[in-house]
Amino acid sequence: MDFMKFIYYGFGAFIGFGCGVIINLIFYWVEQSGHPILTDLIKNYGGVGRFVAEMVNMLPFFGLALGIILVKVMFHKAPDKADGSGDS
């Protein structure tokens, strides 16, 4: 049972990281196409814009963490085998 839990956590982390990378790539491709969204944020809003731009760059890691948290929330109650009552 514990081994499967780690497989679920790994899968959640993989999916979250993958989604974060895809979203980050979309922002990168928009920047490369000539529409500087994140660059304009830094120019127009200074430190706050830089913070938002850095958060966009951290999206894959946020996705990784949120994927693990999502799996934890979805499977928060594991059945206890110690009481022997089966399904409750």
C-alpha atoms as a PDB file:
ATOM      1  CA  MET A   1       0.000   0.000   0.000  1.00  0.00           C
ATOM      2  CA  ASP A   2       2.773   2.456   0.829  1.00  0.00           C
ATOM      3  CA  PHE A   3       4.506   1.784  -2.477  1.00  0.00           C
ATOM      4  CA  MET A   4       1.342   2.645  -4.428  1.00  0.00           C
ATOM      5  CA  LYS A   5       1.006   5.878  -2.438  1.00  0.00           C
ATOM      6  CA  PHE A   6       4.403   6.995  -3.679  1.00  0.00           C
ATOM      7  CA  ILE A   7       3.483   6.064  -7.236  1.00  0.00           C
ATOM      8  CA  TYR A   8       0.356   8.238  -6.933  1.00  0.00           C
ATOM      9  CA  TYR A   9       2.389  11.119  -5.500  1.00  0.00           C
ATOM     10  CA  GLY A  10       4.931  10.757  -8.292  1.00  0.00           C
ATOM     11  CA  PHE A  11       2.219  10.748 -10.935  1.00  0.00           C
ATOM     12  CA  GLY A  12       0.593  13.844  -9.416  1.00  0.00           C
ATOM     13  CA  ALA A  13       3.952  15.599  -9.309  1.00  0.00           C
ATOM     14  CA  PHE A  14       4.668  14.607 -12.921  1.00  0.00           C
ATOM     15  CA  ILE A  15       1.316  15.890 -14.190  1.00  0.00           C
ATOM     16  CA  GLY A  16       1.574  19.121 -12.180  1.00  0.00           C
ATOM     17  CA  PHE A  17       5.127  19.763 -13.351  1.00  0.00           C
ATOM     18  CA  GLY A  18       4.163  19.014 -16.958  1.00  0.00           C
ATOM     19  CA  CYS A  19       1.240  21.442 -16.856  1.00  0.00           C
ATOM     20  CA  GLY A  20       3.452  24.120 -15.327  1.00  0.00           C
ATOM     21  CA  VAL A  21       6.063  23.629 -18.050  1.00  0.00           C
ATOM     22  CA  ILE A  22       3.430  23.890 -20.785  1.00  0.00           C
ATOM     23  CA  ILE A  23       2.023  27.132 -19.342  1.00  0.00           C
ATOM     24  CA  ASN A  24       5.552  28.497 -18.936  1.00  0.00           C
ATOM     25  CA  LEU A  25       6.341  27.594 -22.556  1.00  0.00           C
ATOM     26  CA  ILE A  26       3.213  29.411 -23.713  1.00  0.00           C
ATOM     27  CA  PHE A  27       4.418  32.580 -21.984  1.00  0.00           C
ATOM     28  CA  TYR A  28       7.884  32.058 -23.498  1.00  0.00           C
ATOM     29  CA  TRP A  29       6.480  31.625 -27.016  1.00  0.00           C
ATOM     30  CA  VAL A  30       4.288  34.719 -26.645  1.00  0.00           C
ATOM     31  CA  GLU A  31       7.360  36.703 -25.562  1.00  0.00           C
ATOM     32  CA  GLN A  32       9.344  35.383 -28.549  1.00  0.00           C
ATOM     33  CA  SER A  33       6.554  36.239 -31.002  1.00  0.00           C
ATOM     34  CA  GLY A  34       6.918  39.942 -30.304  1.00  0.00           C
ATOM     35  CA  HIS A  35       4.334  40.529 -27.558  1.00  0.00           C
ATOM     36  CA  PRO A  36       6.445  41.195 -24.453  1.00  0.00           C
ATOM     37  CA  ILE A  37       3.866  40.582 -21.731  1.00  0.00           C
ATOM     38  CA  LEU A  38       6.252  39.741 -18.901  1.00  0.00           C
ATOM     39  CA  THR A  39       8.887  42.243 -20.009  1.00  0.00           C
ATOM     40  CA  ASP A  40       6.269  44.995 -20.020  1.00  0.00           C
ATOM     41  CA  LEU A  41       5.194  43.978 -16.530  1.00  0.00           C
ATOM     42  CA  ILE A  42       8.731  44.612 -15.289  1.00  0.00           C
ATOM     43  CA  LYS A  43       8.995  47.937 -17.144  1.00  0.00           C
ATOM     44  CA  ASN A  44       5.587  49.241 -16.062  1.00  0.00           C
ATOM     45  CA  TYR A  45       5.300  47.954 -12.497  1.00  0.00           C
ATOM     46  CA  GLY A  46       8.905  47.634 -11.306  1.00  0.00           C
ATOM     47  CA  GLY A  47       9.333  45.307  -8.356  1.00  0.00           C
ATOM     48  CA  VAL A  48       5.767  43.993  -8.420  1.00  0.00           C
ATOM     49  CA  GLY A  49       6.070  43.193 -12.126  1.00  0.00           C
ATOM     50  CA  ARG A  50       9.368  41.434 -11.512  1.00  0.00           C
ATOM     51  CA  PHE A  51       7.734  39.392  -8.753  1.00  0.00           C
ATOM     52  CA  VAL A  52       4.874  38.338 -11.057  1.00  0.00           C
ATOM     53  CA  ALA A  53       7.353  37.449 -13.815  1.00  0.00           C
ATOM     54  CA  GLU A  54       9.366  35.314 -11.385  1.00  0.00           C
ATOM     55  CA  MET A  55       6.172  33.568 -10.234  1.00  0.00           C
ATOM     56  CA  VAL A  56       5.418  32.704 -13.866  1.00  0.00           C
ATOM     57  CA  ASN A  57       8.907  31.225 -14.120  1.00  0.00           C
ATOM     58  CA  MET A  58       8.229  29.161 -10.980  1.00  0.00           C
ATOM     59  CA  LEU A  59       5.000  27.647 -12.369  1.00  0.00           C
ATOM     60  CA  PRO A  60       6.500  24.179 -13.001  1.00  0.00           C
ATOM     61  CA  PHE A  61       7.553  23.903  -9.365  1.00  0.00           C
ATOM     62  CA  PHE A  62       4.220  25.227  -8.110  1.00  0.00           C
ATOM     63  CA  GLY A  63       2.546  22.634 -10.330  1.00  0.00           C
ATOM     64  CA  LEU A  64       4.745  19.919  -8.861  1.00  0.00           C
ATOM     65  CA  ALA A  65       3.830  20.909  -5.309  1.00  0.00           C
ATOM     66  CA  LEU A  66       0.141  21.324  -6.116  1.00  0.00           C
ATOM     67  CA  GLY A  67       0.072  17.936  -7.856  1.00  0.00           C
ATOM     68  CA  ILE A  68       1.370  16.265  -4.703  1.00  0.00           C
ATOM     69  CA  ILE A  69      -1.082  18.208  -2.528  1.00  0.00           C
ATOM     70  CA  LEU A  70      -3.962  17.272  -4.832  1.00  0.00           C
ATOM     71  CA  VAL A  71      -3.147  13.571  -4.530  1.00  0.00           C
ATOM     72  CA  LYS A  72      -2.863  13.965  -0.750  1.00  0.00           C
ATOM     73  CA  VAL A  73      -6.293  15.639  -0.597  1.00  0.00           C
ATOM     74  CA  MET A  74      -7.936  13.126  -2.929  1.00  0.00           C
ATOM     75  CA  PHE A  75      -6.672  10.111  -0.995  1.00  0.00           C
ATOM     76  CA  HIS A  76      -6.544  11.595   2.486  1.00  0.00           C
ATOM     77  CA  LYS A  77      -8.292   8.706   4.174  1.00  0.00           C
ATOM     78  CA  ALA A  78      -6.610   5.346   3.770  1.00  0.00           C
ATOM     79  CA  PRO A  79      -8.474   2.324   5.108  1.00  0.00           C
ATOM     80  CA  ASP A  80      -7.129   0.997   8.395  1.00  0.00           C
ATOM     81  CA  LYS A  81      -6.260  -2.674   8.353  1.00  0.00           C
ATOM     82  CA  ALA A  82      -5.600  -2.788  12.087  1.00  0.00           C
ATOM     83  CA  ASP A  83      -9.244  -2.729  13.196  1.00  0.00           C
ATOM     84  CA  GLY A  84     -10.314  -5.609  10.911  1.00  0.00           C
ATOM     85  CA  SER A  85     -13.752  -4.150  10.250  1.00  0.00           C
ATOM     86  CA  GLY A  86     -13.286  -3.851   6.477  1.00  0.00           C
ATOM     87  CA  ASP A  87     -15.396  -1.147   4.836  1.00  0.00           C
ATOM     88  CA  SER A  88     -16.906   1.423   7.186  1.00  0.00           C
END
